[in-house]
Amino acid sequence: MRVVNRDSKIIEELRKSGLSNEMKSLEFCKFLIIEEENERIVGATGIGGFFNVHSLQVAKEYHGKGMGKKLFGKLVSEAKHRKYSFILDSINPENTPVVKLVRYYGFRPICRINYAKGMVREVGILVFTTKGKIIAKILSIFNTLIGTILLAFILKITKPLFVTAFTLLPEEFPNPSILHIIKNFKKITVQQTTFKNQTND
């Protein structure tokens, strides 16, 4: 396992391994933790975008063997080492293994977005510093109906900027349906986490 900064060589290796075909956002991470076998990348995770969104992909033949958990643990350590204030995630809440993984490392759900028919995303945050706590408080507005209405319009307007903000390719997402997002709003119950054990201050 090694930590690498994103460059053209790593992007080429990710493509060769097939991992970035499964998760294109890996190519837009600022840095990556990679696991290799026989000179092939078999697992990768990283953080990128303006909102420090994480990506994680493991080759199918390694699913269920603990590689994702190991990679993700190293990612969290490296983010702390690099003085990140927080990490965000955007996950399918029905993907139980991923939900368990992020909860294990202390991610707290902030809001759920019914982005379009058949596409739901739960946004969560892992806080490291006081600045991260402030970001979490600001983002929690999206767990209200008014915040969701605002978010629906923001997503519609900023879709072309998804790579910069979230490391997501706009073409991989359908156009957000403002009406669908608003009609399907449901406040999620957020565990009362004080972030005390997650921060460095």
C-alpha atoms as a PDB file:
ATOM      1  CA  MET A   1       0.000   0.000   0.000  1.00  0.00           C
ATOM      2  CA  ARG A   2       1.331   3.417  -0.890  1.00  0.00           C
ATOM      3  CA  VAL A   3       0.297   7.063  -0.978  1.00  0.00           C
ATOM      4  CA  VAL A   4       0.674   8.857  -4.316  1.00  0.00           C
ATOM      5  CA  ASN A   5      -0.196  12.297  -5.596  1.00  0.00           C
ATOM      6  CA  ARG A   6      -2.294  12.296  -8.737  1.00  0.00           C
ATOM      7  CA  ASP A   7      -0.317  12.547 -11.953  1.00  0.00           C
ATOM      8  CA  SER A   8      -0.626  11.300 -15.530  1.00  0.00           C
ATOM      9  CA  LYS A   9       1.274   8.080 -14.734  1.00  0.00           C
ATOM     10  CA  ILE A  10      -1.103   7.109 -11.901  1.00  0.00           C
ATOM     11  CA  ILE A  11      -4.145   7.973 -14.017  1.00  0.00           C
ATOM     12  CA  GLU A  12      -2.813   5.708 -16.759  1.00  0.00           C
ATOM     13  CA  GLU A  13      -2.270   2.883 -14.230  1.00  0.00           C
ATOM     14  CA  LEU A  14      -5.804   3.324 -12.860  1.00  0.00           C
ATOM     15  CA  ARG A  15      -7.230   3.073 -16.373  1.00  0.00           C
ATOM     16  CA  LYS A  16      -5.114   0.013 -17.168  1.00  0.00           C
ATOM     17  CA  SER A  17      -6.319  -1.721 -13.995  1.00  0.00           C
ATOM     18  CA  GLY A  18      -9.939  -0.939 -14.865  1.00  0.00           C
ATOM     19  CA  LEU A  19     -10.598   0.702 -11.484  1.00  0.00           C
ATOM     20  CA  SER A  20     -11.184   4.173 -12.865  1.00  0.00           C
ATOM     21  CA  ASN A  21     -13.540   2.724 -15.468  1.00  0.00           C
ATOM     22  CA  GLU A  22     -15.673   1.622 -12.507  1.00  0.00           C
ATOM     23  CA  MET A  23     -15.154   4.892 -10.592  1.00  0.00           C
ATOM     24  CA  LYS A  24     -14.004   7.786 -12.772  1.00  0.00           C
ATOM     25  CA  SER A  25     -13.759  10.137  -9.770  1.00  0.00           C
ATOM     26  CA  LEU A  26     -10.491   8.414  -8.745  1.00  0.00           C
ATOM     27  CA  GLU A  27      -8.808  10.245 -11.635  1.00  0.00           C
ATOM     28  CA  PHE A  28      -9.711  13.605 -10.087  1.00  0.00           C
ATOM     29  CA  CYS A  29      -8.492  12.962  -6.538  1.00  0.00           C
ATOM     30  CA  LYS A  30      -5.649  15.147  -5.258  1.00  0.00           C
ATOM     31  CA  PHE A  31      -3.926  12.127  -3.752  1.00  0.00           C
ATOM     32  CA  LEU A  32      -4.578   8.396  -3.673  1.00  0.00           C
ATOM     33  CA  ILE A  33      -3.885   5.401  -1.481  1.00  0.00           C
ATOM     34  CA  ILE A  34      -3.287   2.442  -3.761  1.00  0.00           C
ATOM     35  CA  GLU A  35      -2.905  -1.288  -3.251  1.00  0.00           C
ATOM     36  CA  GLU A  36      -1.083  -3.245  -5.926  1.00  0.00           C
ATOM     37  CA  GLU A  37      -0.574  -6.867  -6.810  1.00  0.00           C
ATOM     38  CA  ASN A  38       1.677  -8.061  -9.654  1.00  0.00           C
ATOM     39  CA  GLU A  39       2.229  -4.431 -10.702  1.00  0.00           C
ATOM     40  CA  ARG A  40      -1.538  -3.872 -11.102  1.00  0.00           C
ATOM     41  CA  ILE A  41      -3.601  -1.524  -8.946  1.00  0.00           C
ATOM     42  CA  VAL A  42      -6.286  -3.650  -7.287  1.00  0.00           C
ATOM     43  CA  GLY A  43      -7.637  -1.064  -4.853  1.00  0.00           C
ATOM     44  CA  ALA A  44      -7.606   2.719  -4.653  1.00  0.00           C
ATOM     45  CA  THR A  45      -9.091   5.468  -2.563  1.00  0.00           C
ATOM     46  CA  GLY A  46      -8.550   9.212  -2.538  1.00  0.00           C
ATOM     47  CA  ILE A  47      -9.917  12.660  -1.808  1.00  0.00           C
ATOM     48  CA  GLY A  48     -10.620  15.402  -4.308  1.00  0.00           C
ATOM     49  CA  GLY A  49     -12.759  18.335  -5.296  1.00  0.00           C
ATOM     50  CA  PHE A  50     -13.464  21.573  -3.496  1.00  0.00           C
ATOM     51  CA  PHE A  51     -15.523  19.689  -0.902  1.00  0.00           C
ATOM     52  CA  ASN A  52     -12.933  16.972  -0.099  1.00  0.00           C
ATOM     53  CA  VAL A  53     -15.109  14.136  -1.398  1.00  0.00           C
ATOM     54  CA  HIS A  54     -13.673  10.634  -1.054  1.00  0.00           C
ATOM     55  CA  SER A  55     -13.694   7.894  -3.693  1.00  0.00           C
ATOM     56  CA  LEU A  56     -13.047   4.193  -3.131  1.00  0.00           C
ATOM     57  CA  GLN A  57     -12.881   1.272  -5.555  1.00  0.00           C
ATOM     58  CA  VAL A  58     -11.625  -2.281  -5.102  1.00  0.00           C
ATOM     59  CA  ALA A  59     -11.255  -4.865  -7.885  1.00  0.00           C
ATOM     60  CA  LYS A  60     -14.191  -7.301  -7.861  1.00  0.00           C
ATOM     61  CA  GLU A  61     -12.023 -10.307  -7.004  1.00  0.00           C
ATOM     62  CA  TYR A  62     -10.988  -8.570  -3.746  1.00  0.00           C
ATOM     63  CA  HIS A  63     -14.487  -7.678  -2.547  1.00  0.00           C
ATOM     64  CA  GLY A  64     -15.273  -8.937   0.946  1.00  0.00           C
ATOM     65  CA  LYS A  65     -11.621  -9.417   1.910  1.00  0.00           C
ATOM     66  CA  GLY A  66     -11.164  -6.287   4.023  1.00  0.00           C
ATOM     67  CA  MET A  67      -9.148  -4.327   1.462  1.00  0.00           C
ATOM     68  CA  GLY A  68     -11.622  -1.432   1.334  1.00  0.00           C
ATOM     69  CA  LYS A  69     -11.527  -1.047   5.111  1.00  0.00           C
ATOM     70  CA  LYS A  70      -7.720  -1.109   5.134  1.00  0.00           C
ATOM     71  CA  LEU A  71      -7.456   1.440   2.308  1.00  0.00           C
ATOM     72  CA  PHE A  72     -10.053   3.687   3.898  1.00  0.00           C
ATOM     73  CA  GLY A  73      -8.308   3.626   7.280  1.00  0.00           C
ATOM     74  CA  LYS A  74      -5.096   4.772   5.608  1.00  0.00           C
ATOM     75  CA  LEU A  75      -7.054   7.474   3.746  1.00  0.00           C
ATOM     76  CA  VAL A  76      -8.423   8.899   6.995  1.00  0.00           C
ATOM     77  CA  SER A  77      -4.911   8.887   8.547  1.00  0.00           C
ATOM     78  CA  GLU A  78      -3.427  10.589   5.492  1.00  0.00           C
ATOM     79  CA  ALA A  79      -6.174  13.230   5.460  1.00  0.00           C
ATOM     80  CA  LYS A  80      -5.367  14.059   9.102  1.00  0.00           C
ATOM     81  CA  HIS A  81      -1.644  14.129   8.273  1.00  0.00           C
ATOM     82  CA  ARG A  82      -2.328  16.559   5.408  1.00  0.00           C
ATOM     83  CA  LYS A  83      -4.331  18.784   7.790  1.00  0.00           C
ATOM     84  CA  TYR A  84      -7.732  18.337   6.166  1.00  0.00           C
ATOM     85  CA  SER A  85     -10.559  19.859   8.213  1.00  0.00           C
ATOM     86  CA  PHE A  86     -13.147  17.346   7.004  1.00  0.00           C
ATOM     87  CA  ILE A  87     -13.968  14.693   4.415  1.00  0.00           C
ATOM     88  CA  LEU A  88     -17.347  14.435   2.693  1.00  0.00           C
ATOM     89  CA  ASP A  89     -18.999  11.392   1.217  1.00  0.00           C
ATOM     90  CA  SER A  90     -21.870  10.985  -1.201  1.00  0.00           C
ATOM     91  CA  ILE A  91     -23.134   7.414  -1.121  1.00  0.00           C
ATOM     92  CA  ASN A  92     -26.087   5.293  -2.132  1.00  0.00           C
ATOM     93  CA  PRO A  93     -27.812   4.661   1.229  1.00  0.00           C
ATOM     94  CA  GLU A  94     -28.831   1.195   0.016  1.00  0.00           C
ATOM     95  CA  ASN A  95     -25.184   0.158  -0.471  1.00  0.00           C
ATOM     96  CA  THR A  96     -24.933  -1.486   2.950  1.00  0.00           C
ATOM     97  CA  PRO A  97     -21.186  -2.384   2.850  1.00  0.00           C
ATOM     98  CA  VAL A  98     -20.235   1.223   2.044  1.00  0.00           C
ATOM     99  CA  VAL A  99     -22.644   2.627   4.649  1.00  0.00           C
ATOM    100  CA  LYS A 100     -21.111   0.319   7.302  1.00  0.00           C
ATOM    101  CA  LEU A 101     -17.602   1.316   6.245  1.00  0.00           C
ATOM    102  CA  VAL A 102     -18.130   5.068   6.485  1.00  0.00           C
ATOM    103  CA  ARG A 103     -20.018   4.744   9.784  1.00  0.00           C
ATOM    104  CA  TYR A 104     -17.167   2.618  11.174  1.00  0.00           C
ATOM    105  CA  TYR A 105     -14.772   5.495  10.533  1.00  0.00           C
ATOM    106  CA  GLY A 106     -17.110   8.059  12.098  1.00  0.00           C
ATOM    107  CA  PHE A 107     -18.883   9.675   9.165  1.00  0.00           C
ATOM    108  CA  ARG A 108     -22.118  11.309  10.262  1.00  0.00           C
ATOM    109  CA  PRO A 109     -25.002  11.637   7.766  1.00  0.00           C
ATOM    110  CA  ILE A 110     -25.938  15.237   6.995  1.00  0.00           C
ATOM    111  CA  CYS A 111     -28.753  14.947   4.461  1.00  0.00           C
ATOM    112  CA  ARG A 112     -30.324  12.725   1.840  1.00  0.00           C
ATOM    113  CA  ILE A 113     -30.977  13.932  -1.705  1.00  0.00           C
ATOM    114  CA  ASN A 114     -33.504  12.248  -4.001  1.00  0.00           C
ATOM    115  CA  TYR A 115     -31.504  13.553  -6.941  1.00  0.00           C
ATOM    116  CA  ALA A 116     -33.624  12.010  -9.714  1.00  0.00           C
ATOM    117  CA  LYS A 117     -35.901   9.003 -10.170  1.00  0.00           C
ATOM    118  CA  GLY A 118     -33.911   5.934  -9.100  1.00  0.00           C
ATOM    119  CA  MET A 119     -30.977   7.980  -7.747  1.00  0.00           C
ATOM    120  CA  VAL A 120     -30.684   8.773  -4.056  1.00  0.00           C
ATOM    121  CA  ARG A 121     -27.521  10.056  -2.403  1.00  0.00           C
ATOM    122  CA  GLU A 122     -26.774  10.404   1.290  1.00  0.00           C
ATOM    123  CA  VAL A 123     -24.184  13.037   2.148  1.00  0.00           C
ATOM    124  CA  GLY A 124     -22.048  12.509   5.231  1.00  0.00           C
ATOM    125  CA  ILE A 125     -19.098  14.200   6.884  1.00  0.00           C
ATOM    126  CA  LEU A 126     -16.089  13.204   8.943  1.00  0.00           C
ATOM    127  CA  VAL A 127     -14.814  16.164  10.945  1.00  0.00           C
ATOM    128  CA  PHE A 128     -11.224  16.685  12.083  1.00  0.00           C
ATOM    129  CA  THR A 129     -11.062  20.351  13.195  1.00  0.00           C
ATOM    130  CA  THR A 130     -13.164  23.274  14.375  1.00  0.00           C
ATOM    131  CA  LYS A 131     -13.359  24.505  10.776  1.00  0.00           C
ATOM    132  CA  GLY A 132     -14.815  21.096   9.876  1.00  0.00           C
ATOM    133  CA  LYS A 133     -17.449  21.499  12.616  1.00  0.00           C
ATOM    134  CA  ILE A 134     -18.479  24.830  11.102  1.00  0.00           C
ATOM    135  CA  ILE A 135     -18.754  23.265   7.621  1.00  0.00           C
ATOM    136  CA  ALA A 136     -20.898  20.455   9.101  1.00  0.00           C
ATOM    137  CA  LYS A 137     -23.227  23.008  10.721  1.00  0.00           C
ATOM    138  CA  ILE A 138     -23.582  24.947   7.459  1.00  0.00           C
ATOM    139  CA  LEU A 139     -24.258  21.804   5.411  1.00  0.00           C
ATOM    140  CA  SER A 140     -26.873  20.594   7.913  1.00  0.00           C
ATOM    141  CA  ILE A 141     -29.237  23.243   6.500  1.00  0.00           C
ATOM    142  CA  PHE A 142     -29.754  20.800   3.599  1.00  0.00           C
ATOM    143  CA  ASN A 143     -31.527  18.469   6.030  1.00  0.00           C
ATOM    144  CA  THR A 144     -34.483  20.890   6.038  1.00  0.00           C
ATOM    145  CA  LEU A 145     -37.145  21.457   3.380  1.00  0.00           C
ATOM    146  CA  ILE A 146     -35.991  25.039   2.744  1.00  0.00           C
ATOM    147  CA  GLY A 147     -32.380  23.857   2.506  1.00  0.00           C
ATOM    148  CA  THR A 148     -33.384  21.074   0.111  1.00  0.00           C
ATOM    149  CA  ILE A 149     -35.198  23.559  -2.155  1.00  0.00           C
ATOM    150  CA  LEU A 150     -32.055  25.714  -2.181  1.00  0.00           C
ATOM    151  CA  LEU A 151     -29.865  22.660  -2.837  1.00  0.00           C
ATOM    152  CA  ALA A 152     -32.079  21.532  -5.736  1.00  0.00           C
ATOM    153  CA  PHE A 153     -31.533  24.857  -7.519  1.00  0.00           C
ATOM    154  CA  ILE A 154     -27.809  24.869  -6.692  1.00  0.00           C
ATOM    155  CA  LEU A 155     -27.375  21.376  -8.167  1.00  0.00           C
ATOM    156  CA  LYS A 156     -29.301  22.337 -11.318  1.00  0.00           C
ATOM    157  CA  ILE A 157     -27.188  25.458 -11.892  1.00  0.00           C
ATOM    158  CA  THR A 158     -23.793  24.000 -10.934  1.00  0.00           C
ATOM    159  CA  LYS A 159     -23.979  20.594 -12.653  1.00  0.00           C
ATOM    160  CA  PRO A 160     -21.199  21.571 -15.136  1.00  0.00           C
ATOM    161  CA  LEU A 161     -18.920  22.191 -12.112  1.00  0.00           C
ATOM    162  CA  PHE A 162     -19.399  18.734 -10.537  1.00  0.00           C
ATOM    163  CA  VAL A 163     -15.797  17.671 -11.337  1.00  0.00           C
ATOM    164  CA  THR A 164     -14.325  20.725  -9.614  1.00  0.00           C
ATOM    165  CA  ALA A 165     -16.641  20.554  -6.619  1.00  0.00           C
ATOM    166  CA  PHE A 166     -17.161  16.816  -6.107  1.00  0.00           C
ATOM    167  CA  THR A 167     -14.807  14.946  -8.540  1.00  0.00           C
ATOM    168  CA  LEU A 168     -17.930  13.688 -10.343  1.00  0.00           C
ATOM    169  CA  LEU A 169     -18.339  13.786 -14.114  1.00  0.00           C
ATOM    170  CA  PRO A 170     -21.548  15.684 -14.975  1.00  0.00           C
ATOM    171  CA  GLU A 171     -22.334  13.225 -17.779  1.00  0.00           C
ATOM    172  CA  GLU A 172     -22.457  10.359 -15.266  1.00  0.00           C
ATOM    173  CA  PHE A 173     -25.448  12.020 -13.580  1.00  0.00           C
ATOM    174  CA  PRO A 174     -28.888  12.682 -15.029  1.00  0.00           C
ATOM    175  CA  ASN A 175     -30.057  16.270 -14.912  1.00  0.00           C
ATOM    176  CA  PRO A 176     -31.303  16.930 -11.395  1.00  0.00           C
ATOM    177  CA  SER A 177     -35.076  17.166 -11.177  1.00  0.00           C
ATOM    178  CA  ILE A 178     -35.889  20.106  -8.906  1.00  0.00           C
ATOM    179  CA  LEU A 179     -39.490  18.969  -8.503  1.00  0.00           C
ATOM    180  CA  HIS A 180     -38.443  15.361  -7.735  1.00  0.00           C
ATOM    181  CA  ILE A 181     -35.873  16.518  -5.155  1.00  0.00           C
ATOM    182  CA  ILE A 182     -38.403  18.733  -3.374  1.00  0.00           C
ATOM    183  CA  LYS A 183     -41.351  16.288  -3.561  1.00  0.00           C
ATOM    184  CA  ASN A 184     -39.240  13.463  -2.141  1.00  0.00           C
ATOM    185  CA  PHE A 185     -37.605  15.418   0.674  1.00  0.00           C
ATOM    186  CA  LYS A 186     -37.383  13.453   3.875  1.00  0.00           C
ATOM    187  CA  LYS A 187     -35.476  14.715   6.865  1.00  0.00           C
ATOM    188  CA  ILE A 188     -32.972  12.138   8.037  1.00  0.00           C
ATOM    189  CA  THR A 189     -32.502  11.470  11.710  1.00  0.00           C
ATOM    190  CA  VAL A 190     -28.966  12.497  12.469  1.00  0.00           C
ATOM    191  CA  GLN A 191     -27.364  10.915  15.495  1.00  0.00           C
ATOM    192  CA  GLN A 192     -26.492  13.574  18.019  1.00  0.00           C
ATOM    193  CA  THR A 193     -22.741  13.598  17.457  1.00  0.00           C
ATOM    194  CA  THR A 194     -20.707  16.322  19.099  1.00  0.00           C
ATOM    195  CA  PHE A 195     -17.624  15.543  16.993  1.00  0.00           C
ATOM    196  CA  LYS A 196     -15.603  15.690  20.238  1.00  0.00           C
ATOM    197  CA  ASN A 197     -13.719  12.464  19.540  1.00  0.00           C
ATOM    198  CA  GLN A 198     -13.152  13.246  15.866  1.00  0.00           C
ATOM    199  CA  THR A 199     -11.408  16.604  16.118  1.00  0.00           C
ATOM    200  CA  ASN A 200      -7.792  17.529  16.635  1.00  0.00           C
ATOM    201  CA  ASP A 201      -8.518  20.666  18.683  1.00  0.00           C
END
